[in-house]
Amino acid sequence: MLEAGLDLHRATLALRGLDEATTVWRSEVARGRELIAAASLDDTGQLSDQEAGHVGAHGVSLRWVMVHMIEEYARHNGHADLIRERIDGVTGT
């Protein structure tokens, strides 16, 4: 379910026209999928002290990471919409 949500936001961002960055971005997405393919959402990893300072804990689950990525993609999609609207004047697409 989380993966489907993340895929939805990735597809939405791709529709916004990332021409120059698309190849690198698609490569990173593919690598991320490889890394989590056999993982459980309950698997955990350790953050550095600096990262933990932002999150509030050293250990985070894959579930937390996926939810955070969905939030970030949603935010970036909103920014991409605003930029596109300023360029072409079209709203609501």
PDB file of N, CA and C in Angstrom:
ATOM      1  N   MET A   1       0.820  -1.192   0.000  1.00  0.00           N
ATOM      2  CA  MET A   1       0.000   0.000   0.000  1.00  0.00           C
ATOM      3  C   MET A   1       0.872   1.267   0.000  1.00  0.00           C
ATOM      4  N   LEU A   2       1.882   1.296   0.863  1.00  0.00           N
ATOM      5  CA  LEU A   2       2.770   2.471   0.886  1.00  0.00           C
ATOM      6  C   LEU A   2       3.526   2.606  -0.425  1.00  0.00           C
ATOM      7  N   GLU A   3       3.935   1.469  -0.970  1.00  0.00           N
ATOM      8  CA  GLU A   3       4.669   1.507  -2.225  1.00  0.00           C
ATOM      9  C   GLU A   3       3.798   2.064  -3.348  1.00  0.00           C
ATOM     10  N   ALA A   4       2.512   1.716  -3.342  1.00  0.00           N
ATOM     11  CA  ALA A   4       1.592   2.232  -4.354  1.00  0.00           C
ATOM     12  C   ALA A   4       1.435   3.746  -4.211  1.00  0.00           C
ATOM     13  N   GLY A   5       1.360   4.237  -2.980  1.00  0.00           N
ATOM     14  CA  GLY A   5       1.266   5.674  -2.759  1.00  0.00           C
ATOM     15  C   GLY A   5       2.508   6.403  -3.239  1.00  0.00           C
ATOM     16  N   LEU A   6       3.656   5.814  -2.949  1.00  0.00           N
ATOM     17  CA  LEU A   6       4.910   6.411  -3.392  1.00  0.00           C
ATOM     18  C   LEU A   6       4.998   6.392  -4.915  1.00  0.00           C
ATOM     19  N   ASP A   7       4.602   5.281  -5.530  1.00  0.00           N
ATOM     20  CA  ASP A   7       4.610   5.191  -6.994  1.00  0.00           C
ATOM     21  C   ASP A   7       3.682   6.230  -7.626  1.00  0.00           C
ATOM     22  N   LEU A   8       2.529   6.469  -6.998  1.00  0.00           N
ATOM     23  CA  LEU A   8       1.600   7.473  -7.506  1.00  0.00           C
ATOM     24  C   LEU A   8       2.260   8.854  -7.525  1.00  0.00           C
ATOM     25  N   HIS A   9       2.934   9.221  -6.451  1.00  0.00           N
ATOM     26  CA  HIS A   9       3.585  10.531  -6.402  1.00  0.00           C
ATOM     27  C   HIS A   9       4.783  10.599  -7.332  1.00  0.00           C
ATOM     28  N   ARG A  10       5.497   9.497  -7.486  1.00  0.00           N
ATOM     29  CA  ARG A  10       6.611   9.485  -8.442  1.00  0.00           C
ATOM     30  C   ARG A  10       6.095   9.692  -9.859  1.00  0.00           C
ATOM     31  N   ALA A  11       4.999   9.015 -10.207  1.00  0.00           N
ATOM     32  CA  ALA A  11       4.421   9.162 -11.545  1.00  0.00           C
ATOM     33  C   ALA A  11       3.916  10.585 -11.763  1.00  0.00           C
ATOM     34  N   THR A  12       3.317  11.164 -10.742  1.00  0.00           N
ATOM     35  CA  THR A  12       2.823  12.540 -10.841  1.00  0.00           C
ATOM     36  C   THR A  12       3.970  13.498 -11.092  1.00  0.00           C
ATOM     37  N   LEU A  13       5.060  13.329 -10.363  1.00  0.00           N
ATOM     38  CA  LEU A  13       6.219  14.199 -10.555  1.00  0.00           C
ATOM     39  C   LEU A  13       6.801  14.017 -11.954  1.00  0.00           C
ATOM     40  N   ALA A  14       6.828  12.799 -12.444  1.00  0.00           N
ATOM     41  CA  ALA A  14       7.367  12.539 -13.784  1.00  0.00           C
ATOM     42  C   ALA A  14       6.551  13.268 -14.850  1.00  0.00           C
ATOM     43  N   LEU A  15       5.256  13.419 -14.621  1.00  0.00           N
ATOM     44  CA  LEU A  15       4.403  14.124 -15.581  1.00  0.00           C
ATOM     45  C   LEU A  15       4.686  15.619 -15.624  1.00  0.00           C
ATOM     46  N   ARG A  16       5.396  16.128 -14.660  1.00  0.00           N
ATOM     47  CA  ARG A  16       5.666  17.560 -14.580  1.00  0.00           C
ATOM     48  C   ARG A  16       6.816  17.991 -15.493  1.00  0.00           C
ATOM     49  N   GLY A  17       7.492  17.038 -16.127  1.00  0.00           N
ATOM     50  CA  GLY A  17       8.529  17.394 -17.082  1.00  0.00           C
ATOM     51  C   GLY A  17       9.891  17.621 -16.477  1.00  0.00           C
ATOM     52  N   LEU A  18      10.549  16.560 -16.094  1.00  0.00           N
ATOM     53  CA  LEU A  18      11.899  16.641 -15.520  1.00  0.00           C
ATOM     54  C   LEU A  18      12.940  16.253 -16.564  1.00  0.00           C
ATOM     55  N   ASP A  19      12.823  16.777 -17.746  1.00  0.00           N
ATOM     56  CA  ASP A  19      13.617  16.311 -18.872  1.00  0.00           C
ATOM     57  C   ASP A  19      15.090  16.073 -18.573  1.00  0.00           C
ATOM     58  N   GLU A  20      15.790  17.078 -18.057  1.00  0.00           N
ATOM     59  CA  GLU A  20      17.231  16.943 -17.846  1.00  0.00           C
ATOM     60  C   GLU A  20      17.558  15.951 -16.733  1.00  0.00           C
ATOM     61  N   ALA A  21      16.706  15.868 -15.723  1.00  0.00           N
ATOM     62  CA  ALA A  21      17.012  15.040 -14.554  1.00  0.00           C
ATOM     63  C   ALA A  21      16.372  13.660 -14.615  1.00  0.00           C
ATOM     64  N   THR A  22      15.569  13.379 -15.625  1.00  0.00           N
ATOM     65  CA  THR A  22      14.792  12.144 -15.657  1.00  0.00           C
ATOM     66  C   THR A  22      15.647  10.891 -15.595  1.00  0.00           C
ATOM     67  N   THR A  23      16.727  10.823 -16.340  1.00  0.00           N
ATOM     68  CA  THR A  23      17.557   9.617 -16.367  1.00  0.00           C
ATOM     69  C   THR A  23      18.152   9.318 -14.993  1.00  0.00           C
ATOM     70  N   VAL A  24      18.708  10.314 -14.356  1.00  0.00           N
ATOM     71  CA  VAL A  24      19.298  10.127 -13.034  1.00  0.00           C
ATOM     72  C   VAL A  24      18.215   9.758 -12.029  1.00  0.00           C
ATOM     73  N   TRP A  25      17.085  10.454 -12.090  1.00  0.00           N
ATOM     74  CA  TRP A  25      15.982  10.216 -11.157  1.00  0.00           C
ATOM     75  C   TRP A  25      15.448   8.793 -11.305  1.00  0.00           C
ATOM     76  N   ARG A  26      15.234   8.353 -12.539  1.00  0.00           N
ATOM     77  CA  ARG A  26      14.717   6.992 -12.759  1.00  0.00           C
ATOM     78  C   ARG A  26      15.706   5.945 -12.261  1.00  0.00           C
ATOM     79  N   SER A  27      16.990   6.211 -12.414  1.00  0.00           N
ATOM     80  CA  SER A  27      18.021   5.307 -11.913  1.00  0.00           C
ATOM     81  C   SER A  27      17.954   5.209 -10.391  1.00  0.00           C
ATOM     82  N   GLU A  28      17.783   6.333  -9.726  1.00  0.00           N
ATOM     83  CA  GLU A  28      17.691   6.341  -8.261  1.00  0.00           C
ATOM     84  C   GLU A  28      16.430   5.641  -7.775  1.00  0.00           C
ATOM     85  N   VAL A  29      15.327   5.832  -8.480  1.00  0.00           N
ATOM     86  CA  VAL A  29      14.072   5.146  -8.129  1.00  0.00           C
ATOM     87  C   VAL A  29      14.260   3.634  -8.262  1.00  0.00           C
ATOM     88  N   ALA A  30      14.869   3.203  -9.347  1.00  0.00           N
ATOM     89  CA  ALA A  30      15.106   1.769  -9.556  1.00  0.00           C
ATOM     90  C   ALA A  30      16.003   1.205  -8.456  1.00  0.00           C
ATOM     91  N   ARG A  31      17.029   1.932  -8.074  1.00  0.00           N
ATOM     92  CA  ARG A  31      17.929   1.480  -7.005  1.00  0.00           C
ATOM     93  C   ARG A  31      17.171   1.371  -5.679  1.00  0.00           C
ATOM     94  N   GLY A  32      16.322   2.335  -5.393  1.00  0.00           N
ATOM     95  CA  GLY A  32      15.518   2.285  -4.173  1.00  0.00           C
ATOM     96  C   GLY A  32      14.610   1.068  -4.150  1.00  0.00           C
ATOM     97  N   ARG A  33      14.007   0.763  -5.285  1.00  0.00           N
ATOM     98  CA  ARG A  33      13.139  -0.422  -5.365  1.00  0.00           C
ATOM     99  C   ARG A  33      13.936  -1.702  -5.123  1.00  0.00           C
ATOM    100  N   GLU A  34      15.147  -1.755  -5.669  1.00  0.00           N
ATOM    101  CA  GLU A  34      16.004  -2.927  -5.440  1.00  0.00           C
ATOM    102  C   GLU A  34      16.300  -3.103  -3.950  1.00  0.00           C
ATOM    103  N   LEU A  35      16.601  -2.006  -3.294  1.00  0.00           N
ATOM    104  CA  LEU A  35      16.993  -2.065  -1.887  1.00  0.00           C
ATOM    105  C   LEU A  35      15.870  -2.519  -0.966  1.00  0.00           C
ATOM    106  N   ILE A  36      14.624  -2.224  -1.322  1.00  0.00           N
ATOM    107  CA  ILE A  36      13.523  -2.591  -0.429  1.00  0.00           C
ATOM    108  C   ILE A  36      12.740  -3.811  -0.897  1.00  0.00           C
ATOM    109  N   ALA A  37      13.120  -4.394  -2.018  1.00  0.00           N
ATOM    110  CA  ALA A  37      12.352  -5.494  -2.603  1.00  0.00           C
ATOM    111  C   ALA A  37      12.099  -6.636  -1.622  1.00  0.00           C
ATOM    112  N   ALA A  38      13.081  -7.030  -0.872  1.00  0.00           N
ATOM    113  CA  ALA A  38      12.935  -8.173   0.038  1.00  0.00           C
ATOM    114  C   ALA A  38      12.761  -7.729   1.492  1.00  0.00           C
ATOM    115  N   ALA A  39      12.566  -6.443   1.708  1.00  0.00           N
ATOM    116  CA  ALA A  39      12.490  -5.923   3.074  1.00  0.00           C
ATOM    117  C   ALA A  39      11.053  -5.907   3.578  1.00  0.00           C
ATOM    118  N   SER A  40      10.936  -5.885   4.877  1.00  0.00           N
ATOM    119  CA  SER A  40       9.649  -5.734   5.555  1.00  0.00           C
ATOM    120  C   SER A  40       9.503  -4.275   5.976  1.00  0.00           C
ATOM    121  N   LEU A  41       8.274  -3.790   6.031  1.00  0.00           N
ATOM    122  CA  LEU A  41       8.049  -2.425   6.488  1.00  0.00           C
ATOM    123  C   LEU A  41       8.469  -2.239   7.939  1.00  0.00           C
ATOM    124  N   ASP A  42       8.602  -3.337   8.671  1.00  0.00           N
ATOM    125  CA  ASP A  42       9.019  -3.268  10.070  1.00  0.00           C
ATOM    126  C   ASP A  42      10.533  -3.311  10.240  1.00  0.00           C
ATOM    127  N   ASP A  43      11.286  -3.558   9.166  1.00  0.00           N
ATOM    128  CA  ASP A  43      12.753  -3.532   9.252  1.00  0.00           C
ATOM    129  C   ASP A  43      13.189  -2.138   9.661  1.00  0.00           C
ATOM    130  N   THR A  44      14.252  -2.074  10.461  1.00  0.00           N
ATOM    131  CA  THR A  44      14.726  -0.783  10.945  1.00  0.00           C
ATOM    132  C   THR A  44      16.165  -0.527  10.545  1.00  0.00           C
ATOM    133  N   GLY A  45      16.524   0.717  10.569  1.00  0.00           N
ATOM    134  CA  GLY A  45      17.888   1.137  10.309  1.00  0.00           C
ATOM    135  C   GLY A  45      18.263   2.219  11.300  1.00  0.00           C
ATOM    136  N   GLN A  46      19.542   2.516  11.371  1.00  0.00           N
ATOM    137  CA  GLN A  46      20.052   3.506  12.313  1.00  0.00           C
ATOM    138  C   GLN A  46      20.414   4.797  11.591  1.00  0.00           C
ATOM    139  N   LEU A  47      20.049   5.899  12.188  1.00  0.00           N
ATOM    140  CA  LEU A  47      20.393   7.207  11.655  1.00  0.00           C
ATOM    141  C   LEU A  47      21.623   7.756  12.372  1.00  0.00           C
ATOM    142  N   SER A  48      22.313   8.636  11.695  1.00  0.00           N
ATOM    143  CA  SER A  48      23.445   9.320  12.334  1.00  0.00           C
ATOM    144  C   SER A  48      22.905  10.262  13.405  1.00  0.00           C
ATOM    145  N   ASP A  49      23.791  10.751  14.257  1.00  0.00           N
ATOM    146  CA  ASP A  49      23.378  11.701  15.292  1.00  0.00           C
ATOM    147  C   ASP A  49      22.729  12.941  14.679  1.00  0.00           C
ATOM    148  N   GLN A  50      23.284  13.428  13.585  1.00  0.00           N
ATOM    149  CA  GLN A  50      22.744  14.624  12.940  1.00  0.00           C
ATOM    150  C   GLN A  50      21.342  14.359  12.391  1.00  0.00           C
ATOM    151  N   GLU A  51      21.172  13.223  11.684  1.00  0.00           N
ATOM    152  CA  GLU A  51      19.853  12.890  11.153  1.00  0.00           C
ATOM    153  C   GLU A  51      18.854  12.645  12.273  1.00  0.00           C
ATOM    154  N   ALA A  52      19.293  11.971  13.334  1.00  0.00           N
ATOM    155  CA  ALA A  52      18.411  11.677  14.464  1.00  0.00           C
ATOM    156  C   ALA A  52      17.940  12.964  15.132  1.00  0.00           C
ATOM    157  N   GLY A  53      18.755  13.997  15.083  1.00  0.00           N
ATOM    158  CA  GLY A  53      18.361  15.275  15.643  1.00  0.00           C
ATOM    159  C   GLY A  53      17.141  15.869  14.960  1.00  0.00           C
ATOM    160  N   HIS A  54      17.000  15.604  13.665  1.00  0.00           N
ATOM    161  CA  HIS A  54      15.847  16.092  12.912  1.00  0.00           C
ATOM    162  C   HIS A  54      14.622  15.215  13.130  1.00  0.00           C
ATOM    163  N   VAL A  55      14.854  13.923  13.295  1.00  0.00           N
ATOM    164  CA  VAL A  55      13.766  12.949  13.389  1.00  0.00           C
ATOM    165  C   VAL A  55      13.313  12.730  14.825  1.00  0.00           C
ATOM    166  N   GLY A  56      14.254  12.786  15.750  1.00  0.00           N
ATOM    167  CA  GLY A  56      13.931  12.575  17.149  1.00  0.00           C
ATOM    168  C   GLY A  56      14.255  11.184  17.652  1.00  0.00           C
ATOM    169  N   ALA A  57      14.841  10.353  16.803  1.00  0.00           N
ATOM    170  CA  ALA A  57      15.214   8.995  17.205  1.00  0.00           C
ATOM    171  C   ALA A  57      16.327   8.491  16.292  1.00  0.00           C
ATOM    172  N   HIS A  58      17.114   7.548  16.800  1.00  0.00           N
ATOM    173  CA  HIS A  58      18.180   6.975  15.978  1.00  0.00           C
ATOM    174  C   HIS A  58      17.673   5.849  15.086  1.00  0.00           C
ATOM    175  N   GLY A  59      16.674   5.123  15.546  1.00  0.00           N
ATOM    176  CA  GLY A  59      16.156   4.001  14.773  1.00  0.00           C
ATOM    177  C   GLY A  59      14.853   4.352  14.078  1.00  0.00           C
ATOM    178  N   VAL A  60      14.769   4.060  12.781  1.00  0.00           N
ATOM    179  CA  VAL A  60      13.538   4.281  12.031  1.00  0.00           C
ATOM    180  C   VAL A  60      13.216   3.037  11.219  1.00  0.00           C
ATOM    181  N   SER A  61      11.938   2.807  11.029  1.00  0.00           N
ATOM    182  CA  SER A  61      11.508   1.646  10.247  1.00  0.00           C
ATOM    183  C   SER A  61      11.415   2.013   8.768  1.00  0.00           C
ATOM    184  N   LEU A  62      11.397   0.997   7.923  1.00  0.00           N
ATOM    185  CA  LEU A  62      11.180   1.224   6.500  1.00  0.00           C
ATOM    186  C   LEU A  62       9.812   1.877   6.305  1.00  0.00           C
ATOM    187  N   ARG A  63       8.849   1.513   7.119  1.00  0.00           N
ATOM    188  CA  ARG A  63       7.522   2.127   7.050  1.00  0.00           C
ATOM    189  C   ARG A  63       7.636   3.651   7.239  1.00  0.00           C
ATOM    190  N   TRP A  64       8.402   4.077   8.236  1.00  0.00           N
ATOM    191  CA  TRP A  64       8.584   5.502   8.490  1.00  0.00           C
ATOM    192  C   TRP A  64       9.223   6.182   7.284  1.00  0.00           C
ATOM    193  N   VAL A  65      10.240   5.536   6.716  1.00  0.00           N
ATOM    194  CA  VAL A  65      10.933   6.105   5.557  1.00  0.00           C
ATOM    195  C   VAL A  65       9.975   6.247   4.381  1.00  0.00           C
ATOM    196  N   MET A  66       9.156   5.213   4.126  1.00  0.00           N
ATOM    197  CA  MET A  66       8.217   5.257   3.008  1.00  0.00           C
ATOM    198  C   MET A  66       7.187   6.375   3.200  1.00  0.00           C
ATOM    199  N   VAL A  67       6.640   6.494   4.404  1.00  0.00           N
ATOM    200  CA  VAL A  67       5.669   7.556   4.671  1.00  0.00           C
ATOM    201  C   VAL A  67       6.326   8.922   4.482  1.00  0.00           C
ATOM    202  N   HIS A  68       7.555   9.061   4.961  1.00  0.00           N
ATOM    203  CA  HIS A  68       8.284  10.321   4.806  1.00  0.00           C
ATOM    204  C   HIS A  68       8.505  10.632   3.319  1.00  0.00           C
ATOM    205  N   MET A  69       8.846   9.632   2.528  1.00  0.00           N
ATOM    206  CA  MET A  69       9.052   9.843   1.093  1.00  0.00           C
ATOM    207  C   MET A  69       7.757  10.265   0.404  1.00  0.00           C
ATOM    208  N   ILE A  70       6.631   9.666   0.793  1.00  0.00           N
ATOM    209  CA  ILE A  70       5.338  10.072   0.227  1.00  0.00           C
ATOM    210  C   ILE A  70       5.074  11.542   0.547  1.00  0.00           C
ATOM    211  N   GLU A  71       5.327  11.932   1.795  1.00  0.00           N
ATOM    212  CA  GLU A  71       5.138  13.337   2.186  1.00  0.00           C
ATOM    213  C   GLU A  71       6.016  14.260   1.342  1.00  0.00           C
ATOM    214  N   GLU A  72       7.270  13.876   1.153  1.00  0.00           N
ATOM    215  CA  GLU A  72       8.201  14.708   0.391  1.00  0.00           C
ATOM    216  C   GLU A  72       7.787  14.812  -1.073  1.00  0.00           C
ATOM    217  N   TYR A  73       7.407  13.686  -1.674  1.00  0.00           N
ATOM    218  CA  TYR A  73       6.954  13.723  -3.066  1.00  0.00           C
ATOM    219  C   TYR A  73       5.715  14.593  -3.206  1.00  0.00           C
ATOM    220  N   ALA A  74       4.768  14.475  -2.273  1.00  0.00           N
ATOM    221  CA  ALA A  74       3.558  15.299  -2.331  1.00  0.00           C
ATOM    222  C   ALA A  74       3.919  16.780  -2.274  1.00  0.00           C
ATOM    223  N   ARG A  75       4.845  17.129  -1.405  1.00  0.00           N
ATOM    224  CA  ARG A  75       5.295  18.519  -1.289  1.00  0.00           C
ATOM    225  C   ARG A  75       5.952  18.991  -2.582  1.00  0.00           C
ATOM    226  N   HIS A  76       6.833  18.179  -3.137  1.00  0.00           N
ATOM    227  CA  HIS A  76       7.510  18.555  -4.376  1.00  0.00           C
ATOM    228  C   HIS A  76       6.542  18.637  -5.548  1.00  0.00           C
ATOM    229  N   ASN A  77       5.545  17.748  -5.567  1.00  0.00           N
ATOM    230  CA  ASN A  77       4.533  17.819  -6.627  1.00  0.00           C
ATOM    231  C   ASN A  77       3.771  19.137  -6.551  1.00  0.00           C
ATOM    232  N   GLY A  78       3.471  19.573  -5.339  1.00  0.00           N
ATOM    233  CA  GLY A  78       2.813  20.862  -5.173  1.00  0.00           C
ATOM    234  C   GLY A  78       3.676  22.003  -5.667  1.00  0.00           C
ATOM    235  N   HIS A  79       4.966  21.954  -5.362  1.00  0.00           N
ATOM    236  CA  HIS A  79       5.889  22.986  -5.842  1.00  0.00           C
ATOM    237  C   HIS A  79       5.973  22.962  -7.365  1.00  0.00           C
ATOM    238  N   ALA A  80       6.040  21.769  -7.940  1.00  0.00           N
ATOM    239  CA  ALA A  80       6.118  21.643  -9.405  1.00  0.00           C
ATOM    240  C   ALA A  80       4.867  22.229 -10.058  1.00  0.00           C
ATOM    241  N   ASP A  81       3.706  22.006  -9.443  1.00  0.00           N
ATOM    242  CA  ASP A  81       2.465  22.581  -9.969  1.00  0.00           C
ATOM    243  C   ASP A  81       2.517  24.104  -9.960  1.00  0.00           C
ATOM    244  N   LEU A  82       2.989  24.667  -8.857  1.00  0.00           N
ATOM    245  CA  LEU A  82       3.072  26.123  -8.763  1.00  0.00           C
ATOM    246  C   LEU A  82       4.004  26.699  -9.822  1.00  0.00           C
ATOM    247  N   ILE A  83       5.135  26.048 -10.032  1.00  0.00           N
ATOM    248  CA  ILE A  83       6.093  26.516 -11.039  1.00  0.00           C
ATOM    249  C   ILE A  83       5.485  26.407 -12.430  1.00  0.00           C
ATOM    250  N   ARG A  84       4.858  25.264 -12.721  1.00  0.00           N
ATOM    251  CA  ARG A  84       4.248  25.071 -14.037  1.00  0.00           C
ATOM    252  C   ARG A  84       3.153  26.109 -14.276  1.00  0.00           C
ATOM    253  N   GLU A  85       2.340  26.371 -13.260  1.00  0.00           N
ATOM    254  CA  GLU A  85       1.265  27.352 -13.394  1.00  0.00           C
ATOM    255  C   GLU A  85       1.830  28.746 -13.687  1.00  0.00           C
ATOM    256  N   ARG A  86       2.959  29.084 -13.085  1.00  0.00           N
ATOM    257  CA  ARG A  86       3.576  30.390 -13.341  1.00  0.00           C
ATOM    258  C   ARG A  86       4.112  30.470 -14.772  1.00  0.00           C
ATOM    259  N   ILE A  87       4.532  29.333 -15.308  1.00  0.00           N
ATOM    260  CA  ILE A  87       5.096  29.321 -16.660  1.00  0.00           C
ATOM    261  C   ILE A  87       4.005  29.355 -17.722  1.00  0.00           C
ATOM    262  N   ASP A  88       3.015  28.459 -17.594  1.00  0.00           N
ATOM    263  CA  ASP A  88       2.021  28.353 -18.671  1.00  0.00           C
ATOM    264  C   ASP A  88       0.646  28.920 -18.333  1.00  0.00           C
ATOM    265  N   GLY A  89       0.429  29.297 -17.076  1.00  0.00           N
ATOM    266  CA  GLY A  89      -0.829  29.915 -16.701  1.00  0.00           C
ATOM    267  C   GLY A  89      -1.997  28.961 -16.557  1.00  0.00           C
ATOM    268  N   VAL A  90      -1.791  27.676 -16.810  1.00  0.00           N
ATOM    269  CA  VAL A  90      -2.868  26.695 -16.721  1.00  0.00           C
ATOM    270  C   VAL A  90      -2.955  26.204 -15.283  1.00  0.00           C
ATOM    271  N   THR A  91      -4.161  26.150 -14.748  1.00  0.00           N
ATOM    272  CA  THR A  91      -4.359  25.665 -13.386  1.00  0.00           C
ATOM    273  C   THR A  91      -5.222  24.416 -13.402  1.00  0.00           C
ATOM    274  N   GLY A  92      -5.066  23.584 -12.366  1.00  0.00           N
ATOM    275  CA  GLY A  92      -5.925  22.424 -12.190  1.00  0.00           C
ATOM    276  C   GLY A  92      -5.647  21.234 -13.063  1.00  0.00           C
ATOM    277  N   THR A  93      -4.443  21.122 -13.650  1.00  0.00           N
ATOM    278  CA  THR A  93      -4.148  19.937 -14.466  1.00  0.00           C
ATOM    279  C   THR A  93      -3.109  19.092 -13.821  1.00  0.00           C
TER     280      THR A  93
END
